[in-house]
Amino acid sequence: MYMQCGYCSLPYEYVGKVEQMPGDFVRMLELVGASEHLDRLNVSLRKNNSPAWPNKTAHYMGLLSPDVRRQIYKLYEPDFEMFDYSAKDYL
C-alpha cells in the first residue's frame, strides 16, 4: 500500500496544474468570488529566452538512463495517477 501524506486527506475543491496556471488561476478566483476584484502583476520567471518548463523536464530526464527514469516513475507512480500526469514522454 502506498503511504499517504497528510495532504491526501484534505478535502480539496480544486486541483490546478502548473501547465495550466493562467486558466486555473482565473478559475480559482471565480471559486472564491474574487475574479473581478484582484489586480495581477504578470511577471515571467523565465530569463534569457530559456525553454519552457516541459522542454526542460524532457532535457533533464534525457540525461538519465532508461533504468533510472523507470525507477523514478515507479517511485512517483501514485502521484502520476492521482494528478493525471503522463510519463510516456520521459520513459
N, C-alpha and C. Protein backbone atom coordinates (compact mmCIF):
# COMPACT_ATOMS: atom_id res chain seq x y z
N MET A 1 0.85 -1.19 0.00
CA MET A 1 0.00 0.00 0.00
C MET A 1 0.88 1.24 0.00
N TYR A 2 0.50 2.21 -0.78
CA TYR A 2 1.23 3.47 -0.89
C TYR A 2 1.00 4.29 0.36
N MET A 3 2.08 4.86 0.89
CA MET A 3 1.95 5.72 2.07
C MET A 3 1.26 7.02 1.67
N GLN A 4 0.27 7.39 2.41
CA GLN A 4 -0.42 8.64 2.12
C GLN A 4 0.14 9.75 3.01
N CYS A 5 0.32 10.88 2.41
CA CYS A 5 0.76 12.04 3.18
C CYS A 5 -0.47 12.75 3.74
N GLY A 6 -0.25 13.70 4.59
CA GLY A 6 -1.35 14.45 5.19
C GLY A 6 -2.18 15.20 4.16
N TYR A 7 -1.55 15.59 3.04
CA TYR A 7 -2.28 16.33 2.02
C TYR A 7 -3.35 15.48 1.35
N CYS A 8 -3.15 14.17 1.33
CA CYS A 8 -4.12 13.29 0.67
C CYS A 8 -5.46 13.26 1.39
N SER A 9 -5.48 13.58 2.66
CA SER A 9 -6.73 13.51 3.42
C SER A 9 -7.47 14.85 3.47
N LEU A 10 -6.92 15.89 2.87
CA LEU A 10 -7.60 17.19 2.85
C LEU A 10 -8.74 17.19 1.84
N PRO A 11 -9.83 17.86 2.15
CA PRO A 11 -10.99 17.89 1.23
C PRO A 11 -10.82 18.97 0.15
N TYR A 12 -10.05 18.69 -0.87
CA TYR A 12 -9.81 19.66 -1.94
C TYR A 12 -11.08 19.93 -2.74
N GLU A 13 -11.27 21.17 -3.12
CA GLU A 13 -12.36 21.53 -4.02
C GLU A 13 -11.84 21.74 -5.43
N TYR A 14 -10.54 21.98 -5.55
CA TYR A 14 -9.97 22.25 -6.87
C TYR A 14 -8.48 21.92 -6.84
N VAL A 15 -8.00 21.24 -7.86
CA VAL A 15 -6.57 20.96 -8.00
C VAL A 15 -6.14 21.50 -9.36
N GLY A 16 -5.24 22.47 -9.34
CA GLY A 16 -4.74 23.07 -10.58
C GLY A 16 -3.40 22.46 -10.95
N LYS A 17 -2.98 22.72 -12.16
CA LYS A 17 -1.69 22.24 -12.65
C LYS A 17 -0.84 23.41 -13.11
N VAL A 18 0.45 23.31 -12.90
CA VAL A 18 1.36 24.36 -13.30
C VAL A 18 1.25 24.64 -14.79
N GLU A 19 1.09 23.59 -15.59
CA GLU A 19 1.00 23.76 -17.04
C GLU A 19 -0.22 24.56 -17.47
N GLN A 20 -1.21 24.62 -16.62
CA GLN A 20 -2.46 25.31 -16.94
C GLN A 20 -2.69 26.50 -16.00
N MET A 21 -1.60 27.03 -15.47
CA MET A 21 -1.69 28.05 -14.41
C MET A 21 -2.57 29.25 -14.76
N PRO A 22 -2.43 29.88 -15.93
CA PRO A 22 -3.28 31.06 -16.17
C PRO A 22 -4.78 30.74 -16.10
N GLY A 23 -5.20 29.67 -16.73
CA GLY A 23 -6.62 29.30 -16.68
C GLY A 23 -7.05 28.83 -15.31
N ASP A 24 -6.20 28.05 -14.65
CA ASP A 24 -6.53 27.56 -13.31
C ASP A 24 -6.61 28.71 -12.32
N PHE A 25 -5.74 29.70 -12.47
CA PHE A 25 -5.76 30.86 -11.58
C PHE A 25 -7.08 31.61 -11.70
N VAL A 26 -7.53 31.82 -12.92
CA VAL A 26 -8.80 32.51 -13.15
C VAL A 26 -9.94 31.70 -12.54
N ARG A 27 -9.92 30.39 -12.73
CA ARG A 27 -10.97 29.52 -12.18
C ARG A 27 -10.99 29.59 -10.65
N MET A 28 -9.82 29.58 -10.02
CA MET A 28 -9.76 29.66 -8.56
C MET A 28 -10.30 31.00 -8.06
N LEU A 29 -9.97 32.07 -8.79
CA LEU A 29 -10.51 33.38 -8.40
C LEU A 29 -12.03 33.38 -8.48
N GLU A 30 -12.57 32.76 -9.52
CA GLU A 30 -14.03 32.66 -9.66
C GLU A 30 -14.63 31.88 -8.49
N LEU A 31 -13.96 30.81 -8.09
CA LEU A 31 -14.47 29.99 -6.98
C LEU A 31 -14.55 30.76 -5.67
N VAL A 32 -13.62 31.68 -5.46
CA VAL A 32 -13.64 32.45 -4.21
C VAL A 32 -14.32 33.81 -4.38
N GLY A 33 -14.85 34.07 -5.58
CA GLY A 33 -15.57 35.31 -5.81
C GLY A 33 -14.68 36.53 -5.94
N ALA A 34 -13.43 36.36 -6.37
CA ALA A 34 -12.50 37.49 -6.45
C ALA A 34 -12.04 37.79 -7.86
N SER A 35 -12.65 37.17 -8.86
CA SER A 35 -12.13 37.29 -10.22
C SER A 35 -12.12 38.71 -10.75
N GLU A 36 -13.06 39.54 -10.36
CA GLU A 36 -13.13 40.89 -10.90
C GLU A 36 -12.46 41.92 -9.99
N HIS A 37 -12.00 41.51 -8.82
CA HIS A 37 -11.52 42.48 -7.85
C HIS A 37 -10.04 42.35 -7.53
N LEU A 38 -9.32 41.57 -8.28
CA LEU A 38 -7.92 41.33 -7.96
C LEU A 38 -7.04 41.80 -9.10
N ASP A 39 -6.16 42.74 -8.80
CA ASP A 39 -5.18 43.16 -9.79
C ASP A 39 -4.02 42.17 -9.76
N ARG A 40 -3.53 41.84 -10.96
CA ARG A 40 -2.42 40.89 -11.04
C ARG A 40 -1.25 41.54 -11.75
N LEU A 41 -0.09 41.16 -11.34
CA LEU A 41 1.13 41.58 -12.00
C LEU A 41 1.68 40.36 -12.71
N ASN A 42 1.76 40.42 -14.02
CA ASN A 42 2.23 39.29 -14.81
C ASN A 42 3.74 39.39 -14.96
N VAL A 43 4.45 38.59 -14.21
CA VAL A 43 5.90 38.62 -14.22
C VAL A 43 6.40 37.25 -14.65
N SER A 44 7.24 37.23 -15.65
CA SER A 44 7.81 35.97 -16.12
C SER A 44 9.07 35.65 -15.35
N LEU A 45 9.17 34.40 -14.91
CA LEU A 45 10.37 33.96 -14.21
C LEU A 45 11.43 33.43 -15.18
N ARG A 46 11.05 33.28 -16.45
CA ARG A 46 11.99 32.79 -17.45
C ARG A 46 12.91 33.92 -17.87
N LYS A 47 14.19 33.63 -17.89
CA LYS A 47 15.18 34.63 -18.27
C LYS A 47 15.94 34.14 -19.50
N ASN A 48 16.44 35.05 -20.27
CA ASN A 48 17.29 34.73 -21.42
C ASN A 48 16.62 33.79 -22.42
N ASN A 49 15.33 33.92 -22.59
CA ASN A 49 14.59 33.07 -23.53
C ASN A 49 14.82 31.59 -23.28
N SER A 50 14.91 31.21 -22.03
CA SER A 50 15.11 29.79 -21.70
C SER A 50 13.88 29.00 -22.13
N PRO A 51 14.05 27.71 -22.43
CA PRO A 51 12.91 26.92 -22.90
C PRO A 51 11.83 26.79 -21.84
N ALA A 52 10.64 26.52 -22.30
CA ALA A 52 9.52 26.33 -21.38
C ALA A 52 9.76 25.13 -20.49
N TRP A 53 9.07 25.07 -19.38
CA TRP A 53 9.29 24.01 -18.38
C TRP A 53 9.18 22.59 -18.94
N PRO A 54 8.17 22.22 -19.73
CA PRO A 54 8.12 20.84 -20.23
C PRO A 54 9.37 20.47 -21.04
N ASN A 55 9.93 21.42 -21.78
CA ASN A 55 11.15 21.14 -22.52
C ASN A 55 12.33 20.93 -21.58
N LYS A 56 12.37 21.68 -20.49
CA LYS A 56 13.43 21.49 -19.51
C LYS A 56 13.32 20.11 -18.87
N THR A 57 12.10 19.73 -18.56
CA THR A 57 11.90 18.41 -17.95
C THR A 57 12.39 17.31 -18.89
N ALA A 58 12.01 17.39 -20.15
CA ALA A 58 12.45 16.39 -21.13
C ALA A 58 13.96 16.40 -21.26
N HIS A 59 14.55 17.57 -21.25
CA HIS A 59 16.01 17.67 -21.35
C HIS A 59 16.70 16.95 -20.19
N TYR A 60 16.30 17.29 -18.97
CA TYR A 60 16.96 16.70 -17.81
C TYR A 60 16.65 15.21 -17.66
N MET A 61 15.44 14.80 -17.98
CA MET A 61 15.12 13.37 -17.93
C MET A 61 15.95 12.61 -18.96
N GLY A 62 16.23 13.24 -20.10
CA GLY A 62 17.04 12.60 -21.14
C GLY A 62 18.47 12.38 -20.72
N LEU A 63 18.93 13.07 -19.69
CA LEU A 63 20.29 12.87 -19.19
C LEU A 63 20.39 11.62 -18.33
N LEU A 64 19.26 11.09 -17.92
CA LEU A 64 19.24 9.90 -17.06
C LEU A 64 19.12 8.64 -17.91
N SER A 65 19.62 7.55 -17.38
CA SER A 65 19.49 6.27 -18.08
C SER A 65 18.03 5.82 -18.07
N PRO A 66 17.61 5.00 -19.04
CA PRO A 66 16.23 4.49 -19.04
C PRO A 66 15.87 3.78 -17.73
N ASP A 67 16.83 3.06 -17.15
CA ASP A 67 16.56 2.34 -15.91
C ASP A 67 16.26 3.32 -14.77
N VAL A 68 17.03 4.38 -14.67
CA VAL A 68 16.81 5.37 -13.61
C VAL A 68 15.48 6.08 -13.83
N ARG A 69 15.13 6.39 -15.08
CA ARG A 69 13.84 7.03 -15.36
C ARG A 69 12.69 6.12 -14.94
N ARG A 70 12.80 4.82 -15.18
CA ARG A 70 11.75 3.87 -14.76
C ARG A 70 11.66 3.81 -13.24
N GLN A 71 12.81 3.84 -12.57
CA GLN A 71 12.80 3.80 -11.11
C GLN A 71 12.12 5.05 -10.53
N ILE A 72 12.41 6.19 -11.11
CA ILE A 72 11.77 7.43 -10.65
C ILE A 72 10.26 7.34 -10.87
N TYR A 73 9.86 6.85 -12.04
CA TYR A 73 8.43 6.73 -12.31
C TYR A 73 7.76 5.80 -11.31
N LYS A 74 8.36 4.65 -11.05
CA LYS A 74 7.76 3.69 -10.10
C LYS A 74 7.61 4.33 -8.72
N LEU A 75 8.60 5.12 -8.32
CA LEU A 75 8.55 5.78 -7.02
C LEU A 75 7.39 6.76 -6.94
N TYR A 76 7.15 7.48 -8.04
CA TYR A 76 6.11 8.51 -8.05
C TYR A 76 4.86 8.11 -8.82
N GLU A 77 4.73 6.85 -9.16
CA GLU A 77 3.58 6.39 -9.94
C GLU A 77 2.23 6.78 -9.32
N PRO A 78 2.05 6.64 -8.00
CA PRO A 78 0.76 7.05 -7.42
C PRO A 78 0.47 8.53 -7.66
N ASP A 79 1.50 9.36 -7.64
CA ASP A 79 1.30 10.79 -7.88
C ASP A 79 0.93 11.06 -9.33
N PHE A 80 1.59 10.35 -10.26
CA PHE A 80 1.23 10.49 -11.67
C PHE A 80 -0.23 10.14 -11.88
N GLU A 81 -0.69 9.07 -11.25
CA GLU A 81 -2.08 8.64 -11.41
C GLU A 81 -3.05 9.61 -10.72
N MET A 82 -2.71 10.02 -9.51
CA MET A 82 -3.60 10.88 -8.74
C MET A 82 -3.81 12.23 -9.43
N PHE A 83 -2.75 12.77 -10.04
CA PHE A 83 -2.84 14.09 -10.65
C PHE A 83 -2.96 14.02 -12.17
N ASP A 84 -3.21 12.82 -12.69
CA ASP A 84 -3.47 12.62 -14.11
C ASP A 84 -2.33 13.14 -15.00
N TYR A 85 -1.10 12.81 -14.63
CA TYR A 85 0.06 13.13 -15.46
C TYR A 85 0.49 11.91 -16.24
N SER A 86 1.07 12.13 -17.39
CA SER A 86 1.58 11.05 -18.22
C SER A 86 3.11 11.08 -18.21
N ALA A 87 3.74 9.94 -18.11
CA ALA A 87 5.20 9.86 -18.12
C ALA A 87 5.69 9.30 -19.44
N LYS A 88 4.82 9.08 -20.41
CA LYS A 88 5.21 8.41 -21.65
C LYS A 88 6.32 9.15 -22.39
N ASP A 89 6.36 10.48 -22.29
CA ASP A 89 7.40 11.24 -22.99
C ASP A 89 8.77 11.14 -22.31
N TYR A 90 8.79 10.63 -21.09
CA TYR A 90 10.03 10.57 -20.33
C TYR A 90 10.57 9.18 -20.12
N LEU A 91 9.74 8.16 -20.37
CA LEU A 91 10.19 6.78 -20.11
C LEU A 91 10.79 6.18 -21.31
